[in-house]
Each structure stands twice: as structure tokens, then as C-alpha cells.
């Protein structure tokens, strides 16, 4: 079975680390990458093609509303909630 690929996006290093460690403890999940801001996340998405994206609602470098709609329409296969 293919692992669920996740991109973790948060400007706080500690939060990225906690989320990454927590998710990585599940054998069915692969944290494919992390990003410190929305701009970096948008660059990584086409390359890693994550199944799931965790996104800080107050993410720097990009407005959450744009990130939500831009990511959904340009790169995601699934639903954005």
C-alpha cells in the first residue's frame, strides 16, 4: 500500500517539528517535505505532489485565502477544507 504523502507548512520551527514527528510515527504516512512559508510551499507542491497539506492559517509570504484557493485549483487532486 502506498503511503500518504504530506507537506507540513508552518513558520514556527517547533510546530513543524512536532507535526512532522507526530505524523511520521504512523507507518502509513510519509512527511514528504516541510516549508516555512506559503511561497516555499507553493514551489514544493508541484514537485512532491502531496496527498495532504497541513497549513498554518497565519502563514507568512502568502494570504491563507489565496493559498487555499491557489493550491486547490492549481495543484491538488483532493478537496480543500
PDB file of N, CA and C in Angstrom:
ATOM      1  N   UNK A   1       0.839  -1.186   0.000  1.00  0.00           N
ATOM      2  CA  UNK A   1       0.000   0.000   0.000  1.00  0.00           C
ATOM      3  C   UNK A   1       0.884   1.249   0.000  1.00  0.00           C
ATOM      4  N   UNK A   2       0.516   2.223  -0.810  1.00  0.00           N
ATOM      5  CA  UNK A   2       1.258   3.473  -0.908  1.00  0.00           C
ATOM      6  C   UNK A   2       1.017   4.335   0.329  1.00  0.00           C
ATOM      7  N   UNK A   3       2.092   4.937   0.822  1.00  0.00           N
ATOM      8  CA  UNK A   3       1.967   5.820   1.980  1.00  0.00           C
ATOM      9  C   UNK A   3       1.289   7.128   1.584  1.00  0.00           C
ATOM     10  N   UNK A   4       0.624   7.746   2.539  1.00  0.00           N
ATOM     11  CA  UNK A   4       0.018   9.061   2.352  1.00  0.00           C
ATOM     12  C   UNK A   4       1.135  10.091   2.461  1.00  0.00           C
ATOM     13  N   UNK A   5       1.289  10.901   1.411  1.00  0.00           N
ATOM     14  CA  UNK A   5       2.361  11.905   1.376  1.00  0.00           C
ATOM     15  C   UNK A   5       1.825  13.247   1.882  1.00  0.00           C
ATOM     16  N   UNK A   6       2.553  13.835   2.829  1.00  0.00           N
ATOM     17  CA  UNK A   6       2.104  15.073   3.466  1.00  0.00           C
ATOM     18  C   UNK A   6       3.175  16.151   3.357  1.00  0.00           C
ATOM     19  N   UNK A   7       2.719  17.376   3.107  1.00  0.00           N
ATOM     20  CA  UNK A   7       3.573  18.560   3.164  1.00  0.00           C
ATOM     21  C   UNK A   7       3.143  19.354   4.393  1.00  0.00           C
ATOM     22  N   UNK A   8       4.073  19.585   5.306  1.00  0.00           N
ATOM     23  CA  UNK A   8       3.805  20.328   6.538  1.00  0.00           C
ATOM     24  C   UNK A   8       4.299  21.762   6.354  1.00  0.00           C
ATOM     25  N   UNK A   9       3.381  22.727   6.497  1.00  0.00           N
ATOM     26  CA  UNK A   9       3.727  24.136   6.294  1.00  0.00           C
ATOM     27  C   UNK A   9       3.407  24.929   7.559  1.00  0.00           C
ATOM     28  N   UNK A  10       4.436  25.500   8.154  1.00  0.00           N
ATOM     29  CA  UNK A  10       4.266  26.347   9.337  1.00  0.00           C
ATOM     30  C   UNK A  10       5.519  27.188   9.495  1.00  0.00           C
ATOM     31  N   UNK A  11       5.360  28.438   9.892  1.00  0.00           N
ATOM     32  CA  UNK A  11       6.523  29.305  10.057  1.00  0.00           C
ATOM     33  C   UNK A  11       7.284  29.025  11.345  1.00  0.00           C
ATOM     34  N   UNK A  12       6.672  28.348  12.284  1.00  0.00           N
ATOM     35  CA  UNK A  12       7.331  28.030  13.553  1.00  0.00           C
ATOM     36  C   UNK A  12       8.066  26.693  13.435  1.00  0.00           C
ATOM     37  N   UNK A  13       9.371  26.734  13.614  1.00  0.00           N
ATOM     38  CA  UNK A  13      10.197  25.526  13.505  1.00  0.00           C
ATOM     39  C   UNK A  13       9.719  24.448  14.470  1.00  0.00           C
ATOM     40  N   UNK A  14       9.403  24.849  15.686  1.00  0.00           N
ATOM     41  CA  UNK A  14       8.971  23.886  16.705  1.00  0.00           C
ATOM     42  C   UNK A  14       7.678  23.192  16.278  1.00  0.00           C
ATOM     43  N   UNK A  15       6.749  23.942  15.739  1.00  0.00           N
ATOM     44  CA  UNK A  15       5.480  23.361  15.297  1.00  0.00           C
ATOM     45  C   UNK A  15       5.716  22.405  14.128  1.00  0.00           C
ATOM     46  N   UNK A  16       6.541  22.822  13.170  1.00  0.00           N
ATOM     47  CA  UNK A  16       6.857  21.920  12.044  1.00  0.00           C
ATOM     48  C   UNK A  16       7.443  20.612  12.553  1.00  0.00           C
ATOM     49  N   UNK A  17       8.339  20.707  13.518  1.00  0.00           N
ATOM     50  CA  UNK A  17       8.994  19.517  14.068  1.00  0.00           C
ATOM     51  C   UNK A  17       7.986  18.620  14.793  1.00  0.00           C
ATOM     52  N   UNK A  18       7.131  19.211  15.612  1.00  0.00           N
ATOM     53  CA  UNK A  18       6.134  18.430  16.352  1.00  0.00           C
ATOM     54  C   UNK A  18       5.167  17.739  15.392  1.00  0.00           C
ATOM     55  N   UNK A  19       4.660  18.493  14.424  1.00  0.00           N
ATOM     56  CA  UNK A  19       3.719  17.920  13.458  1.00  0.00           C
ATOM     57  C   UNK A  19       4.404  16.815  12.650  1.00  0.00           C
ATOM     58  N   UNK A  20       5.617  17.080  12.202  1.00  0.00           N
ATOM     59  CA  UNK A  20       6.368  16.085  11.426  1.00  0.00           C
ATOM     60  C   UNK A  20       6.612  14.817  12.240  1.00  0.00           C
ATOM     61  N   UNK A  21       7.068  14.963  13.464  1.00  0.00           N
ATOM     62  CA  UNK A  21       7.331  13.794  14.310  1.00  0.00           C
ATOM     63  C   UNK A  21       6.058  13.006  14.602  1.00  0.00           C
ATOM     64  N   UNK A  22       4.979  13.716  14.875  1.00  0.00           N
ATOM     65  CA  UNK A  22       3.709  13.051  15.172  1.00  0.00           C
ATOM     66  C   UNK A  22       3.207  12.276  13.961  1.00  0.00           C
ATOM     67  N   UNK A  23       3.207  12.928  12.807  1.00  0.00           N
ATOM     68  CA  UNK A  23       2.727  12.261  11.598  1.00  0.00           C
ATOM     69  C   UNK A  23       3.641  11.107  11.185  1.00  0.00           C
ATOM     70  N   UNK A  24       4.935  11.293  11.334  1.00  0.00           N
ATOM     71  CA  UNK A  24       5.900  10.263  10.933  1.00  0.00           C
ATOM     72  C   UNK A  24       5.814   9.003  11.782  1.00  0.00           C
ATOM     73  N   UNK A  25       5.206   9.106  12.940  1.00  0.00           N
ATOM     74  CA  UNK A  25       5.076   7.920  13.798  1.00  0.00           C
ATOM     75  C   UNK A  25       4.051   6.927  13.247  1.00  0.00           C
ATOM     76  N   UNK A  26       3.246   7.361  12.299  1.00  0.00           N
ATOM     77  CA  UNK A  26       2.268   6.473  11.662  1.00  0.00           C
ATOM     78  C   UNK A  26       2.931   5.804  10.461  1.00  0.00           C
ATOM     79  N   UNK A  27       2.954   4.482  10.411  1.00  0.00           N
ATOM     80  CA  UNK A  27       3.635   3.789   9.310  1.00  0.00           C
ATOM     81  C   UNK A  27       2.987   3.997   7.939  1.00  0.00           C
ATOM     82  N   UNK A  28       1.767   4.491   7.913  1.00  0.00           N
ATOM     83  CA  UNK A  28       1.075   4.719   6.643  1.00  0.00           C
ATOM     84  C   UNK A  28       1.285   6.134   6.099  1.00  0.00           C
ATOM     85  N   UNK A  29       2.063   6.942   6.833  1.00  0.00           N
ATOM     86  CA  UNK A  29       2.260   8.342   6.461  1.00  0.00           C
ATOM     87  C   UNK A  29       3.730   8.625   6.194  1.00  0.00           C
ATOM     88  N   UNK A  30       3.964   9.419   5.149  1.00  0.00           N
ATOM     89  CA  UNK A  30       5.303   9.920   4.838  1.00  0.00           C
ATOM     90  C   UNK A  30       5.235  11.443   4.792  1.00  0.00           C
ATOM     91  N   UNK A  31       5.998  12.106   5.644  1.00  0.00           N
ATOM     92  CA  UNK A  31       6.105  13.559   5.542  1.00  0.00           C
ATOM     93  C   UNK A  31       7.097  13.800   4.413  1.00  0.00           C
ATOM     94  N   UNK A  32       6.563  14.156   3.253  1.00  0.00           N
ATOM     95  CA  UNK A  32       7.375  14.290   2.043  1.00  0.00           C
ATOM     96  C   UNK A  32       8.251  15.531   2.076  1.00  0.00           C
ATOM     97  N   UNK A  33       7.775  16.579   2.758  1.00  0.00           N
ATOM     98  CA  UNK A  33       8.544  17.820   2.842  1.00  0.00           C
ATOM     99  C   UNK A  33       7.920  18.738   3.877  1.00  0.00           C
ATOM    100  N   UNK A  34       8.686  19.765   4.231  1.00  0.00           N
ATOM    101  CA  UNK A  34       8.180  20.827   5.093  1.00  0.00           C
ATOM    102  C   UNK A  34       8.493  22.156   4.423  1.00  0.00           C
ATOM    103  N   UNK A  35       7.766  23.186   4.828  1.00  0.00           N
ATOM    104  CA  UNK A  35       8.008  24.531   4.304  1.00  0.00           C
ATOM    105  C   UNK A  35       7.745  25.545   5.410  1.00  0.00           C
ATOM    106  N   UNK A  36       8.548  26.604   5.419  1.00  0.00           N
ATOM    107  CA  UNK A  36       8.439  27.624   6.458  1.00  0.00           C
ATOM    108  C   UNK A  36       7.478  28.750   6.096  1.00  0.00           C
ATOM    109  N   UNK A  37       7.053  28.803   4.833  1.00  0.00           N
ATOM    110  CA  UNK A  37       6.096  29.841   4.448  1.00  0.00           C
ATOM    111  C   UNK A  37       5.329  29.402   3.196  1.00  0.00           C
ATOM    112  N   UNK A  38       4.323  30.183   2.858  1.00  0.00           N
ATOM    113  CA  UNK A  38       3.461  29.832   1.735  1.00  0.00           C
ATOM    114  C   UNK A  38       4.159  29.839   0.391  1.00  0.00           C
ATOM    115  N   UNK A  39       5.084  30.749   0.222  1.00  0.00           N
ATOM    116  CA  UNK A  39       5.816  30.835  -1.046  1.00  0.00           C
ATOM    117  C   UNK A  39       6.623  29.560  -1.293  1.00  0.00           C
ATOM    118  N   UNK A  40       7.316  29.103  -0.273  1.00  0.00           N
ATOM    119  CA  UNK A  40       8.090  27.862  -0.386  1.00  0.00           C
ATOM    120  C   UNK A  40       7.153  26.680  -0.617  1.00  0.00           C
ATOM    121  N   UNK A  41       6.036  26.662   0.091  1.00  0.00           N
ATOM    122  CA  UNK A  41       5.068  25.569  -0.067  1.00  0.00           C
ATOM    123  C   UNK A  41       4.563  25.490  -1.500  1.00  0.00           C
ATOM    124  N   UNK A  42       4.213  26.633  -2.072  1.00  0.00           N
ATOM    125  CA  UNK A  42       3.703  26.639  -3.446  1.00  0.00           C
ATOM    126  C   UNK A  42       4.758  26.159  -4.442  1.00  0.00           C
ATOM    127  N   UNK A  43       6.027  26.382  -4.141  1.00  0.00           N
ATOM    128  CA  UNK A  43       7.097  25.886  -5.010  1.00  0.00           C
ATOM    129  C   UNK A  43       7.274  24.377  -4.875  1.00  0.00           C
ATOM    130  N   UNK A  44       7.062  23.857  -3.677  1.00  0.00           N
ATOM    131  CA  UNK A  44       7.279  22.427  -3.425  1.00  0.00           C
ATOM    132  C   UNK A  44       6.120  21.543  -3.878  1.00  0.00           C
ATOM    133  N   UNK A  45       4.916  22.062  -3.852  1.00  0.00           N
ATOM    134  CA  UNK A  45       3.739  21.244  -4.151  1.00  0.00           C
ATOM    135  C   UNK A  45       3.823  20.542  -5.506  1.00  0.00           C
ATOM    136  N   UNK A  46       4.147  21.236  -6.594  1.00  0.00           N
ATOM    137  CA  UNK A  46       4.206  20.530  -7.883  1.00  0.00           C
ATOM    138  C   UNK A  46       5.295  19.456  -7.935  1.00  0.00           C
ATOM    139  N   UNK A  47       6.353  19.652  -7.166  1.00  0.00           N
ATOM    140  CA  UNK A  47       7.461  18.693  -7.165  1.00  0.00           C
ATOM    141  C   UNK A  47       7.130  17.433  -6.377  1.00  0.00           C
ATOM    142  N   UNK A  48       6.560  17.603  -5.187  1.00  0.00           N
ATOM    143  CA  UNK A  48       6.346  16.434  -4.325  1.00  0.00           C
ATOM    144  C   UNK A  48       4.946  15.844  -4.437  1.00  0.00           C
ATOM    145  N   UNK A  49       4.009  16.608  -4.979  1.00  0.00           N
ATOM    146  CA  UNK A  49       2.627  16.148  -5.165  1.00  0.00           C
ATOM    147  C   UNK A  49       2.054  15.485  -3.902  1.00  0.00           C
ATOM    148  N   UNK A  50       1.911  16.276  -2.839  1.00  0.00           N
ATOM    149  CA  UNK A  50       1.404  15.696  -1.587  1.00  0.00           C
ATOM    150  C   UNK A  50      -0.069  15.312  -1.693  1.00  0.00           C
ATOM    151  N   UNK A  51      -0.442  14.325  -0.904  1.00  0.00           N
ATOM    152  CA  UNK A  51      -1.852  13.944  -0.799  1.00  0.00           C
ATOM    153  C   UNK A  51      -2.563  14.880   0.175  1.00  0.00           C
ATOM    154  N   UNK A  52      -1.817  15.313   1.185  1.00  0.00           N
ATOM    155  CA  UNK A  52      -2.366  16.176   2.234  1.00  0.00           C
ATOM    156  C   UNK A  52      -1.383  17.306   2.502  1.00  0.00           C
ATOM    157  N   UNK A  53      -1.937  18.460   2.808  1.00  0.00           N
ATOM    158  CA  UNK A  53      -1.144  19.636   3.146  1.00  0.00           C
ATOM    159  C   UNK A  53      -1.629  20.150   4.494  1.00  0.00           C
ATOM    160  N   UNK A  54      -0.720  20.278   5.460  1.00  0.00           N
ATOM    161  CA  UNK A  54      -1.081  20.953   6.705  1.00  0.00           C
ATOM    162  C   UNK A  54      -0.593  22.380   6.553  1.00  0.00           C
ATOM    163  N   UNK A  55      -1.464  23.333   6.825  1.00  0.00           N
ATOM    164  CA  UNK A  55      -1.148  24.731   6.557  1.00  0.00           C
ATOM    165  C   UNK A  55      -1.547  25.601   7.734  1.00  0.00           C
ATOM    166  N   UNK A  56      -0.585  26.337   8.255  1.00  0.00           N
ATOM    167  CA  UNK A  56      -0.828  27.318   9.310  1.00  0.00           C
ATOM    168  C   UNK A  56      -1.767  28.384   8.752  1.00  0.00           C
ATOM    169  N   UNK A  57      -2.822  28.688   9.462  1.00  0.00           N
ATOM    170  CA  UNK A  57      -3.803  29.659   8.971  1.00  0.00           C
ATOM    171  C   UNK A  57      -3.221  31.070   8.882  1.00  0.00           C
ATOM    172  N   UNK A  58      -2.157  31.347   9.622  1.00  0.00           N
ATOM    173  CA  UNK A  58      -1.498  32.658   9.576  1.00  0.00           C
ATOM    174  C   UNK A  58      -0.121  32.530   8.938  1.00  0.00           C
ATOM    175  N   UNK A  59      -0.058  31.853   7.819  1.00  0.00           N
ATOM    176  CA  UNK A  59       1.216  31.559   7.163  1.00  0.00           C
ATOM    177  C   UNK A  59       1.813  32.811   6.507  1.00  0.00           C
ATOM    178  N   UNK A  60       3.109  33.071   6.737  1.00  0.00           N
ATOM    179  CA  UNK A  60       3.756  34.221   6.103  1.00  0.00           C
ATOM    180  C   UNK A  60       3.968  34.015   4.596  1.00  0.00           C
ATOM    181  N   UNK A  61       4.186  35.115   3.915  1.00  0.00           N
ATOM    182  CA  UNK A  61       4.528  35.154   2.494  1.00  0.00           C
ATOM    183  C   UNK A  61       3.353  34.932   1.549  1.00  0.00           C
ATOM    184  N   UNK A  62       2.199  34.608   2.081  1.00  0.00           N
ATOM    185  CA  UNK A  62       1.046  34.393   1.205  1.00  0.00           C
ATOM    186  C   UNK A  62      -0.216  34.443   2.059  1.00  0.00           C
ATOM    187  N   UNK A  63      -1.246  35.024   1.540  1.00  0.00           N
ATOM    188  CA  UNK A  63      -2.506  35.081   2.278  1.00  0.00           C
ATOM    189  C   UNK A  63      -3.133  33.689   2.310  1.00  0.00           C
ATOM    190  N   UNK A  64      -3.656  33.305   3.457  1.00  0.00           N
ATOM    191  CA  UNK A  64      -4.268  31.979   3.598  1.00  0.00           C
ATOM    192  C   UNK A  64      -5.349  31.763   2.551  1.00  0.00           C
ATOM    193  N   UNK A  65      -6.160  32.784   2.323  1.00  0.00           N
ATOM    194  CA  UNK A  65      -7.252  32.641   1.351  1.00  0.00           C
ATOM    195  C   UNK A  65      -6.703  32.315  -0.040  1.00  0.00           C
ATOM    196  N   UNK A  66      -5.625  32.998  -0.451  1.00  0.00           N
ATOM    197  CA  UNK A  66      -5.028  32.688  -1.752  1.00  0.00           C
ATOM    198  C   UNK A  66      -4.419  31.295  -1.737  1.00  0.00           C
ATOM    199  N   UNK A  67      -3.713  30.986  -0.674  1.00  0.00           N
ATOM    200  CA  UNK A  67      -3.074  29.668  -0.592  1.00  0.00           C
ATOM    201  C   UNK A  67      -4.119  28.578  -0.731  1.00  0.00           C
ATOM    202  N   UNK A  68      -5.221  28.753  -0.039  1.00  0.00           N
ATOM    203  CA  UNK A  68      -6.281  27.746  -0.067  1.00  0.00           C
ATOM    204  C   UNK A  68      -6.840  27.579  -1.477  1.00  0.00           C
ATOM    205  N   UNK A  69      -7.186  28.671  -2.128  1.00  0.00           N
ATOM    206  CA  UNK A  69      -7.771  28.561  -3.466  1.00  0.00           C
ATOM    207  C   UNK A  69      -6.712  28.248  -4.511  1.00  0.00           C
ATOM    208  N   UNK A  70      -5.535  28.867  -4.404  1.00  0.00           N
ATOM    209  CA  UNK A  70      -4.477  28.630  -5.377  1.00  0.00           C
ATOM    210  C   UNK A  70      -3.987  27.202  -5.362  1.00  0.00           C
ATOM    211  N   UNK A  71      -3.785  26.669  -4.193  1.00  0.00           N
ATOM    212  CA  UNK A  71      -3.325  25.290  -4.079  1.00  0.00           C
ATOM    213  C   UNK A  71      -4.386  24.348  -4.627  1.00  0.00           C
ATOM    214  N   UNK A  72      -5.612  24.579  -4.267  1.00  0.00           N
ATOM    215  CA  UNK A  72      -6.688  23.692  -4.705  1.00  0.00           C
ATOM    216  C   UNK A  72      -6.828  23.686  -6.217  1.00  0.00           C
ATOM    217  N   UNK A  73      -6.897  24.836  -6.811  1.00  0.00           N
ATOM    218  CA  UNK A  73      -7.163  24.904  -8.244  1.00  0.00           C
ATOM    219  C   UNK A  73      -5.958  24.538  -9.103  1.00  0.00           C
ATOM    220  N   UNK A  74      -4.760  24.793  -8.619  1.00  0.00           N
ATOM    221  CA  UNK A  74      -3.577  24.576  -9.444  1.00  0.00           C
ATOM    222  C   UNK A  74      -2.926  23.215  -9.252  1.00  0.00           C
ATOM    223  N   UNK A  75      -3.011  22.658  -8.060  1.00  0.00           N
ATOM    224  CA  UNK A  75      -2.143  21.524  -7.781  1.00  0.00           C
ATOM    225  C   UNK A  75      -2.766  20.324  -7.085  1.00  0.00           C
ATOM    226  N   UNK A  76      -3.849  20.493  -6.394  1.00  0.00           N
ATOM    227  CA  UNK A  76      -4.358  19.402  -5.570  1.00  0.00           C
ATOM    228  C   UNK A  76      -5.330  18.513  -6.319  1.00  0.00           C
ATOM    229  N   UNK A  77      -5.262  17.264  -5.952  1.00  0.00           N
ATOM    230  CA  UNK A  77      -6.196  16.296  -6.517  1.00  0.00           C
ATOM    231  C   UNK A  77      -7.452  16.207  -5.663  1.00  0.00           C
ATOM    232  N   UNK A  78      -7.340  16.579  -4.413  1.00  0.00           N
ATOM    233  CA  UNK A  78      -8.436  16.381  -3.476  1.00  0.00           C
ATOM    234  C   UNK A  78      -9.152  17.654  -3.108  1.00  0.00           C
ATOM    235  N   UNK A  79      -9.928  17.543  -2.078  1.00  0.00           N
ATOM    236  CA  UNK A  79     -10.750  18.641  -1.600  1.00  0.00           C
ATOM    237  C   UNK A  79      -9.990  19.477  -0.579  1.00  0.00           C
ATOM    238  N   UNK A  80     -10.202  20.775  -0.616  1.00  0.00           N
ATOM    239  CA  UNK A  80      -9.587  21.675   0.361  1.00  0.00           C
ATOM    240  C   UNK A  80     -10.630  22.022   1.396  1.00  0.00           C
ATOM    241  N   UNK A  81     -10.288  21.829   2.670  1.00  0.00           N
ATOM    242  CA  UNK A  81     -11.232  22.131   3.759  1.00  0.00           C
ATOM    243  C   UNK A  81     -10.624  23.101   4.714  1.00  0.00           C
TER     244      UNK A  81
END
